[in-house]
Amino acid sequence: MSKYNSFRQSRFTYFFVASLLLTLVVYILRGIGTLSFIPGGLILILIALSIITGLIYAIDKTKRF
């Protein structure tokens, strides 16, 4: 088995990292007061998106082939 296969990056990796970073940035900026006009429902949607993409990433990561 080659080393390349064990460290391969899937597209779910990028979606997960991007959604997690976006959620953290929006959450922190809303807490500081810079983005205070954003409703709490949008924060919940971003958190749910991060969790869902994290689960998909974890399932994809455990595939053997």
N, C-alpha and C. Protein backbone atom coordinates (compact mmCIF):
# COMPACT_ATOMS: atom_id res chain seq x y z
N MET A 1 0.85 -1.17 0.00
CA MET A 1 0.00 0.00 0.00
C MET A 1 0.90 1.24 0.00
N SER A 2 0.59 2.16 -0.86
CA SER A 2 1.43 3.35 -0.95
C SER A 2 1.05 4.39 0.10
N LYS A 3 1.98 5.27 0.39
CA LYS A 3 1.71 6.33 1.37
C LYS A 3 0.70 7.34 0.84
N TYR A 4 0.64 7.49 -0.47
CA TYR A 4 -0.26 8.47 -1.06
C TYR A 4 -1.71 8.16 -0.72
N ASN A 5 -2.09 6.90 -0.74
CA ASN A 5 -3.47 6.53 -0.47
C ASN A 5 -3.87 6.80 0.97
N SER A 6 -2.95 6.68 1.91
CA SER A 6 -3.30 6.88 3.31
C SER A 6 -3.48 8.36 3.65
N PHE A 7 -2.89 9.25 2.84
CA PHE A 7 -3.00 10.67 3.11
C PHE A 7 -3.81 11.41 2.05
N ARG A 8 -4.66 10.72 1.35
CA ARG A 8 -5.41 11.37 0.28
C ARG A 8 -6.43 12.35 0.88
N GLN A 9 -6.63 13.43 0.16
CA GLN A 9 -7.58 14.45 0.59
C GLN A 9 -8.83 14.32 -0.27
N SER A 10 -9.96 14.17 0.34
CA SER A 10 -11.20 14.11 -0.42
C SER A 10 -11.83 15.49 -0.46
N ARG A 11 -12.83 15.62 -1.29
CA ARG A 11 -13.51 16.91 -1.37
C ARG A 11 -14.28 17.21 -0.09
N PHE A 12 -14.64 16.18 0.67
CA PHE A 12 -15.34 16.40 1.92
C PHE A 12 -14.43 17.05 2.96
N THR A 13 -13.14 16.82 2.85
CA THR A 13 -12.19 17.47 3.75
C THR A 13 -12.27 18.97 3.61
N TYR A 14 -12.27 19.43 2.37
CA TYR A 14 -12.33 20.87 2.12
C TYR A 14 -13.67 21.47 2.54
N PHE A 15 -14.77 20.75 2.28
CA PHE A 15 -16.09 21.24 2.71
C PHE A 15 -16.17 21.33 4.23
N PHE A 16 -15.63 20.32 4.91
CA PHE A 16 -15.68 20.31 6.37
C PHE A 16 -14.85 21.44 6.96
N VAL A 17 -13.64 21.61 6.48
CA VAL A 17 -12.76 22.66 7.01
C VAL A 17 -13.34 24.04 6.70
N ALA A 18 -13.86 24.23 5.50
CA ALA A 18 -14.43 25.52 5.12
C ALA A 18 -15.66 25.85 5.96
N SER A 19 -16.55 24.88 6.15
CA SER A 19 -17.75 25.15 6.94
C SER A 19 -17.42 25.38 8.41
N LEU A 20 -16.43 24.65 8.92
CA LEU A 20 -16.03 24.84 10.31
C LEU A 20 -15.40 26.21 10.52
N LEU A 21 -14.52 26.62 9.62
CA LEU A 21 -13.89 27.94 9.74
C LEU A 21 -14.91 29.06 9.59
N LEU A 22 -15.83 28.92 8.64
CA LEU A 22 -16.86 29.93 8.46
C LEU A 22 -17.73 30.06 9.70
N THR A 23 -18.10 28.93 10.27
CA THR A 23 -18.91 28.94 11.48
C THR A 23 -18.18 29.61 12.64
N LEU A 24 -16.91 29.27 12.82
CA LEU A 24 -16.14 29.87 13.91
C LEU A 24 -15.94 31.37 13.73
N VAL A 25 -15.65 31.79 12.50
CA VAL A 25 -15.45 33.22 12.25
C VAL A 25 -16.73 34.00 12.49
N VAL A 26 -17.85 33.51 11.98
CA VAL A 26 -19.13 34.20 12.17
C VAL A 26 -19.51 34.21 13.64
N TYR A 27 -19.30 33.10 14.34
CA TYR A 27 -19.65 33.02 15.75
C TYR A 27 -18.81 34.00 16.59
N ILE A 28 -17.52 34.05 16.31
CA ILE A 28 -16.64 34.96 17.06
C ILE A 28 -16.96 36.42 16.75
N LEU A 29 -17.14 36.73 15.47
CA LEU A 29 -17.45 38.12 15.10
C LEU A 29 -18.82 38.55 15.61
N ARG A 30 -19.76 37.63 15.68
CA ARG A 30 -21.06 37.98 16.25
C ARG A 30 -20.95 38.20 17.75
N GLY A 31 -20.11 37.41 18.41
CA GLY A 31 -19.90 37.58 19.85
C GLY A 31 -19.22 38.90 20.17
N ILE A 32 -18.29 39.31 19.33
CA ILE A 32 -17.62 40.60 19.53
C ILE A 32 -18.58 41.76 19.29
N GLY A 33 -19.52 41.57 18.38
CA GLY A 33 -20.49 42.62 18.07
C GLY A 33 -20.34 43.18 16.68
N THR A 34 -19.38 42.69 15.93
CA THR A 34 -19.18 43.17 14.57
C THR A 34 -20.30 42.71 13.65
N LEU A 35 -20.74 41.49 13.80
CA LEU A 35 -21.83 40.94 12.99
C LEU A 35 -23.08 40.72 13.85
N SER A 36 -23.46 41.72 14.60
CA SER A 36 -24.59 41.56 15.52
C SER A 36 -25.93 41.50 14.81
N PHE A 37 -25.97 41.88 13.54
CA PHE A 37 -27.23 41.87 12.80
C PHE A 37 -27.60 40.48 12.28
N ILE A 38 -26.68 39.51 12.38
CA ILE A 38 -26.97 38.16 11.90
C ILE A 38 -27.83 37.43 12.93
N PRO A 39 -28.96 36.86 12.48
CA PRO A 39 -29.85 36.18 13.42
C PRO A 39 -29.25 34.88 13.94
N GLY A 40 -29.73 34.46 15.09
CA GLY A 40 -29.24 33.24 15.72
C GLY A 40 -29.54 31.99 14.91
N GLY A 41 -30.62 32.05 14.12
CA GLY A 41 -30.96 30.90 13.28
C GLY A 41 -29.89 30.59 12.25
N LEU A 42 -29.24 31.62 11.75
CA LEU A 42 -28.16 31.41 10.79
C LEU A 42 -26.97 30.73 11.46
N ILE A 43 -26.71 31.10 12.71
CA ILE A 43 -25.63 30.44 13.46
C ILE A 43 -25.96 28.96 13.64
N LEU A 44 -27.21 28.66 13.96
CA LEU A 44 -27.61 27.25 14.13
C LEU A 44 -27.49 26.48 12.83
N ILE A 45 -27.82 27.11 11.72
CA ILE A 45 -27.68 26.45 10.41
C ILE A 45 -26.21 26.18 10.11
N LEU A 46 -25.34 27.14 10.42
CA LEU A 46 -23.91 26.94 10.19
C LEU A 46 -23.35 25.83 11.08
N ILE A 47 -23.80 25.78 12.32
CA ILE A 47 -23.35 24.71 13.23
C ILE A 47 -23.84 23.35 12.73
N ALA A 48 -25.09 23.29 12.28
CA ALA A 48 -25.62 22.03 11.74
C ALA A 48 -24.87 21.62 10.49
N LEU A 49 -24.53 22.59 9.63
CA LEU A 49 -23.77 22.30 8.42
C LEU A 49 -22.39 21.75 8.77
N SER A 50 -21.76 22.31 9.79
CA SER A 50 -20.45 21.83 10.22
C SER A 50 -20.53 20.40 10.76
N ILE A 51 -21.56 20.12 11.53
CA ILE A 51 -21.73 18.77 12.09
C ILE A 51 -21.99 17.76 10.98
N ILE A 52 -22.87 18.12 10.04
CA ILE A 52 -23.21 17.20 8.95
C ILE A 52 -22.01 16.93 8.06
N THR A 53 -21.28 17.99 7.69
CA THR A 53 -20.10 17.76 6.86
C THR A 53 -19.01 17.01 7.62
N GLY A 54 -18.94 17.21 8.94
CA GLY A 54 -17.99 16.45 9.75
C GLY A 54 -18.33 14.97 9.78
N LEU A 55 -19.60 14.65 9.87
CA LEU A 55 -20.01 13.24 9.85
C LEU A 55 -19.74 12.61 8.49
N ILE A 56 -20.03 13.34 7.42
CA ILE A 56 -19.76 12.82 6.08
C ILE A 56 -18.26 12.63 5.88
N TYR A 57 -17.47 13.58 6.38
CA TYR A 57 -16.02 13.45 6.29
C TYR A 57 -15.53 12.23 7.06
N ALA A 58 -16.06 12.00 8.25
CA ALA A 58 -15.64 10.86 9.05
C ALA A 58 -16.03 9.54 8.39
N ILE A 59 -17.20 9.49 7.80
CA ILE A 59 -17.62 8.26 7.09
C ILE A 59 -16.74 8.03 5.88
N ASP A 60 -16.45 9.09 5.15
CA ASP A 60 -15.59 8.96 3.98
C ASP A 60 -14.17 8.56 4.36
N LYS A 61 -13.71 9.05 5.49
CA LYS A 61 -12.34 8.75 5.95
C LYS A 61 -12.19 7.28 6.35
N THR A 62 -13.26 6.66 6.81
CA THR A 62 -13.18 5.27 7.26
C THR A 62 -13.38 4.26 6.14
N LYS A 63 -13.67 4.73 4.94
CA LYS A 63 -13.80 3.80 3.81
C LYS A 63 -12.44 3.18 3.52
N ARG A 64 -12.46 1.92 3.19
CA ARG A 64 -11.20 1.23 2.91
C ARG A 64 -10.77 1.41 1.47
N PHE A 65 -11.73 1.56 0.54
CA PHE A 65 -11.38 1.63 -0.87
C PHE A 65 -11.94 2.88 -1.48
